[in-house]
Amino acid sequence: MNEQHPLQSFIDLVTFDQELVTLETEIKKLEHEIADAKGKFFQIEQSMELTKKRVHDTRKEVDKKELEMKELDVQQTVAKERLENVKNAKEYQAVKSEVEKLKAKQSVLDEELLGAWNKFESMQKEQETLLHDAEKKRSEQKDIQEQKQIKIDEHTVLLAERRRQRAEKEKGVPADWLERYAMMRSRVTDPVVPVQQNSCSACFWSISHQNMLMLKRGQLLVCKGCYRFLYIPKELVEQEK
């Protein structure tokens, strides 16, 4: 079995690392999407709780008005009993005036109670619609989280497996190339770039004829413009033969 040229081994390593970066980027993207789905899930739950609270508060207002109505009924009953037992005209007029005032209060309270009931029933119907829609959306967001978490788990397993394979990919690559490559990887996302039209494809630094010949012989050069590794793709070299 023929030993692979160091340059090809190096290019294979770079391609392998790019696949690792793609996996890492995809995991981060999925994590961000899960966080976004959780945020929407939380907003939906808050909206549901707020709707329930509004209905609850409206019901409390109905209960309050009904209690006031009962108290007025008791006061009116007591006043009518007093009216039947008055001893003189002056007292009769005073108690009668009190009864009339209680009736007037009751009339106003009747309107308020009817309005409170109408509001409560309207909000109940609104709540049913809102909660149905919210429950559907909440279920959708939960499904999104679960599906994306499954993908993250799959990518994480694959990433761990690929990382274990990396040491094997480094074999056949000169140590000084690996050292410089590691330094460049910490600075730029594309530390190794192909030559295009006799120029660096990253910074467009023009490559001399002599350097082009060296590249065509399978050597690796450092770009004087951006300090990235430069190489000529194998298929490009073969096309020129």
Protein backbone atom coordinates (compact mmCIF):
# COMPACT_ATOMS: atom_id res chain seq x y z
CA MET A 1 0.00 0.00 0.00
CA ASN A 2 1.47 3.35 -1.05
CA GLU A 3 1.99 5.89 1.72
CA GLN A 4 -0.10 9.02 1.23
CA HIS A 5 1.68 12.29 0.44
CA PRO A 6 1.99 14.56 3.54
CA LEU A 7 0.10 17.34 1.77
CA GLN A 8 -2.86 15.08 1.07
CA SER A 9 -2.80 13.85 4.67
CA PHE A 10 -2.81 17.46 5.81
CA ILE A 11 -5.70 18.40 3.51
CA ASP A 12 -7.63 15.36 4.77
CA LEU A 13 -7.03 16.54 8.35
CA VAL A 14 -8.26 20.04 7.50
CA THR A 15 -11.37 18.62 5.82
CA PHE A 16 -11.93 16.39 8.85
CA ASP A 17 -11.64 19.40 11.19
CA GLN A 18 -14.07 21.38 9.07
CA GLU A 19 -16.58 18.57 9.53
CA LEU A 20 -15.99 18.78 13.29
CA VAL A 21 -16.59 22.53 13.22
CA THR A 22 -19.79 21.98 11.23
CA LEU A 23 -21.02 19.55 13.88
CA GLU A 24 -20.09 21.92 16.71
CA THR A 25 -21.81 24.82 14.93
CA GLU A 26 -24.93 22.74 14.35
CA ILE A 27 -25.05 21.75 18.03
CA LYS A 28 -24.77 25.40 19.10
CA LYS A 29 -27.49 26.34 16.60
CA LEU A 30 -29.79 23.63 17.95
CA GLU A 31 -29.07 24.71 21.53
CA HIS A 32 -30.00 28.28 20.60
CA GLU A 33 -33.21 27.05 18.95
CA ILE A 34 -34.08 25.03 22.07
CA ALA A 35 -33.50 28.10 24.24
CA ASP A 36 -35.75 30.07 21.90
CA ALA A 37 -38.45 27.36 22.09
CA LYS A 38 -38.18 27.34 25.90
CA GLY A 39 -38.60 31.12 25.91
CA LYS A 40 -41.74 30.85 23.78
CA PHE A 41 -42.99 27.99 25.99
CA PHE A 42 -42.52 30.18 29.08
CA GLN A 43 -44.32 33.12 27.41
CA ILE A 44 -47.26 30.87 26.53
CA GLU A 45 -47.47 29.60 30.12
CA GLN A 46 -47.36 33.17 31.42
CA SER A 47 -50.14 34.15 29.01
CA MET A 48 -52.23 31.19 30.18
CA GLU A 49 -51.71 32.08 33.84
CA LEU A 50 -52.57 35.73 33.15
CA THR A 51 -55.78 34.71 31.38
CA LYS A 52 -56.75 32.44 34.29
CA LYS A 53 -56.02 35.23 36.77
CA ARG A 54 -58.18 37.71 34.85
CA VAL A 55 -61.10 35.25 34.86
CA HIS A 56 -60.53 34.54 38.55
CA ASP A 57 -60.48 38.26 39.40
CA THR A 58 -63.66 38.82 37.38
CA ARG A 59 -65.35 35.97 39.26
CA LYS A 60 -64.25 37.53 42.55
CA GLU A 61 -65.94 40.77 41.46
CA VAL A 62 -69.17 38.83 40.80
CA ASP A 63 -68.95 37.20 44.24
CA LYS A 64 -68.33 40.58 45.85
CA LYS A 65 -71.40 42.12 44.17
CA GLU A 66 -73.55 39.12 45.15
CA LEU A 67 -72.43 39.45 48.76
CA GLU A 68 -73.29 43.17 48.71
CA MET A 69 -76.70 42.26 47.28
CA LYS A 70 -77.34 39.78 50.11
CA GLU A 71 -76.35 42.40 52.67
CA LEU A 72 -78.76 44.89 51.07
CA ASP A 73 -81.53 42.26 51.12
CA VAL A 74 -80.97 41.73 54.84
CA GLN A 75 -80.94 45.49 55.50
CA GLN A 76 -84.13 45.90 53.46
CA THR A 77 -85.88 43.05 55.32
CA VAL A 78 -84.94 44.57 58.69
CA ALA A 79 -86.10 48.05 57.54
CA LYS A 80 -89.46 46.67 56.33
CA GLU A 81 -90.01 44.92 59.66
CA ARG A 82 -89.27 48.18 61.46
CA LEU A 83 -91.70 49.95 59.11
CA GLU A 84 -94.48 47.61 60.25
CA ASN A 85 -93.79 48.37 63.90
CA VAL A 86 -93.38 52.15 63.85
CA LYS A 87 -95.30 54.10 66.51
CA ASN A 88 -95.66 57.50 64.88
CA ALA A 89 -95.74 59.25 61.50
CA LYS A 90 -92.31 60.84 61.90
CA GLU A 91 -90.64 57.51 62.55
CA TYR A 92 -92.64 55.97 59.69
CA GLN A 93 -91.33 58.56 57.21
CA ALA A 94 -87.75 58.08 58.41
CA VAL A 95 -87.88 54.29 58.03
CA LYS A 96 -89.75 54.56 54.71
CA SER A 97 -87.02 56.91 53.41
CA GLU A 98 -84.40 54.36 54.48
CA VAL A 99 -86.26 51.59 52.62
CA GLU A 100 -86.42 53.71 49.46
CA LYS A 101 -82.69 54.43 49.66
CA LEU A 102 -81.98 50.71 50.04
CA LYS A 103 -84.16 49.97 47.00
CA ALA A 104 -82.28 52.59 44.98
CA LYS A 105 -78.94 51.06 46.03
CA GLN A 106 -80.28 47.64 45.13
CA SER A 107 -81.33 48.85 41.68
CA VAL A 108 -77.85 50.25 41.00
CA LEU A 109 -76.24 47.10 42.37
CA ASP A 110 -78.48 44.95 40.16
CA GLU A 111 -77.05 46.68 37.09
CA GLU A 112 -73.49 46.33 38.39
CA LEU A 113 -74.03 42.65 39.18
CA LEU A 114 -75.50 41.99 35.74
CA GLY A 115 -72.52 43.76 34.15
CA ALA A 116 -70.09 41.74 36.28
CA TRP A 117 -71.78 38.48 35.25
CA ASN A 118 -71.72 39.45 31.56
CA LYS A 119 -68.03 40.32 31.81
CA PHE A 120 -67.26 37.06 33.61
CA GLU A 121 -69.13 34.90 31.07
CA SER A 122 -67.51 36.75 28.17
CA MET A 123 -64.05 36.25 29.68
CA GLN A 124 -64.79 32.58 30.32
CA LYS A 125 -65.52 32.06 26.62
CA GLU A 126 -62.42 34.04 25.70
CA GLN A 127 -60.41 31.94 28.15
CA GLU A 128 -61.59 28.68 26.58
CA THR A 129 -60.46 29.84 23.14
CA LEU A 130 -57.15 31.27 24.38
CA LEU A 131 -56.31 28.24 26.50
CA HIS A 132 -57.11 25.86 23.63
CA ASP A 133 -54.81 27.79 21.28
CA ALA A 134 -52.16 28.21 23.97
CA GLU A 135 -52.19 24.50 24.81
CA LYS A 136 -51.71 23.68 21.13
CA LYS A 137 -48.79 26.11 20.83
CA ARG A 138 -47.27 24.86 24.08
CA SER A 139 -47.43 21.29 22.80
CA GLU A 140 -45.78 22.38 19.54
CA GLN A 141 -42.93 24.12 21.38
CA LYS A 142 -42.43 21.07 23.60
CA ASP A 143 -42.22 18.83 20.51
CA ILE A 144 -39.69 21.22 18.94
CA GLN A 145 -37.52 21.03 22.08
CA GLU A 146 -37.66 17.24 22.18
CA GLN A 147 -36.87 16.80 18.47
CA LYS A 148 -33.95 19.23 18.58
CA GLN A 149 -32.60 17.60 21.75
CA ILE A 150 -32.62 14.24 19.94
CA LYS A 151 -30.55 15.82 17.15
CA ILE A 152 -28.15 17.36 19.69
CA ASP A 153 -27.67 13.96 21.35
CA GLU A 154 -26.99 12.33 17.97
CA HIS A 155 -24.53 15.07 16.95
CA THR A 156 -22.81 14.92 20.36
CA VAL A 157 -22.23 11.17 20.05
CA LEU A 158 -20.93 11.59 16.49
CA LEU A 159 -18.70 14.50 17.54
CA ALA A 160 -17.16 12.48 20.38
CA GLU A 161 -16.51 9.61 17.98
CA ARG A 162 -14.91 11.93 15.42
CA ARG A 163 -12.70 13.55 18.06
CA ARG A 164 -11.40 10.11 19.01
CA GLN A 165 -10.51 9.54 15.34
CA ARG A 166 -8.58 12.80 15.00
CA ALA A 167 -5.27 11.47 16.32
CA GLU A 168 -5.26 8.93 13.50
CA LYS A 169 -5.84 11.73 10.98
CA GLU A 170 -2.75 13.58 12.26
CA LYS A 171 -0.48 10.70 11.31
CA GLY A 172 1.52 11.43 8.19
CA VAL A 173 1.37 15.20 8.72
CA PRO A 174 4.72 16.85 9.59
CA ALA A 175 4.94 18.06 13.20
CA ASP A 176 5.83 21.64 12.22
CA TRP A 177 2.74 21.81 9.99
CA LEU A 178 0.57 20.58 12.85
CA GLU A 179 2.07 23.14 15.22
CA ARG A 180 1.50 26.07 12.88
CA TYR A 181 -1.94 24.77 11.94
CA ALA A 182 -2.96 24.63 15.61
CA MET A 183 -1.82 28.25 16.08
CA MET A 184 -3.73 29.46 13.02
CA ARG A 185 -6.89 27.55 14.00
CA SER A 186 -7.10 29.60 17.19
CA ARG A 187 -7.09 32.84 15.16
CA VAL A 188 -9.11 32.17 12.02
CA THR A 189 -11.84 29.77 10.98
CA ASP A 190 -10.08 28.90 7.70
CA PRO A 191 -6.35 28.48 8.45
CA VAL A 192 -5.77 26.48 5.26
CA VAL A 193 -7.04 27.75 1.90
CA PRO A 194 -6.58 26.71 -1.73
CA VAL A 195 -4.89 28.80 -4.40
CA GLN A 196 -7.21 30.29 -7.00
CA GLN A 197 -5.97 32.02 -10.17
CA ASN A 198 -2.40 32.26 -8.80
CA SER A 199 -3.62 34.06 -5.65
CA CYS A 200 -4.53 33.30 -2.06
CA SER A 201 -8.29 32.66 -2.04
CA ALA A 202 -8.61 34.36 1.37
CA CYS A 203 -6.68 37.65 0.99
CA PHE A 204 -5.93 37.56 -2.79
CA TRP A 205 -2.19 37.89 -2.26
CA SER A 206 -0.49 37.27 -5.61
CA ILE A 207 1.74 34.20 -5.67
CA SER A 208 5.04 34.29 -7.56
CA HIS A 209 5.81 31.88 -10.39
CA GLN A 210 8.49 30.16 -8.29
CA ASN A 211 6.08 29.63 -5.39
CA MET A 212 3.44 28.30 -7.76
CA LEU A 213 5.93 25.68 -8.99
CA MET A 214 6.65 24.67 -5.38
CA LEU A 215 2.93 24.38 -4.67
CA LYS A 216 2.42 22.25 -7.77
CA ARG A 217 5.12 19.89 -6.50
CA GLY A 218 2.97 19.26 -3.43
CA GLN A 219 4.61 21.68 -1.05
CA LEU A 220 2.73 23.74 1.50
CA LEU A 221 3.43 27.47 1.63
CA VAL A 222 2.48 30.25 4.03
CA CYS A 223 0.68 33.22 2.51
CA LYS A 224 2.69 36.41 3.00
CA GLY A 225 -0.51 38.43 3.05
CA CYS A 226 -2.58 36.66 5.73
CA TYR A 227 -0.20 33.90 6.94
CA ARG A 228 -2.64 31.10 6.12
CA PHE A 229 -1.43 27.81 4.67
CA LEU A 230 -1.70 27.67 0.89
CA TYR A 231 -2.04 24.60 -1.32
CA ILE A 232 -3.10 23.76 -4.84
CA PRO A 233 -6.00 21.30 -5.06
CA LYS A 234 -4.91 17.96 -6.52
CA GLU A 235 -7.50 18.05 -9.30
CA LEU A 236 -6.22 21.47 -10.42
CA VAL A 237 -2.66 20.15 -10.73
CA GLU A 238 -3.83 17.15 -12.74
CA GLN A 239 -5.81 19.37 -15.11
CA GLU A 240 -2.64 21.26 -16.02
CA LYS A 241 -0.67 18.09 -16.80
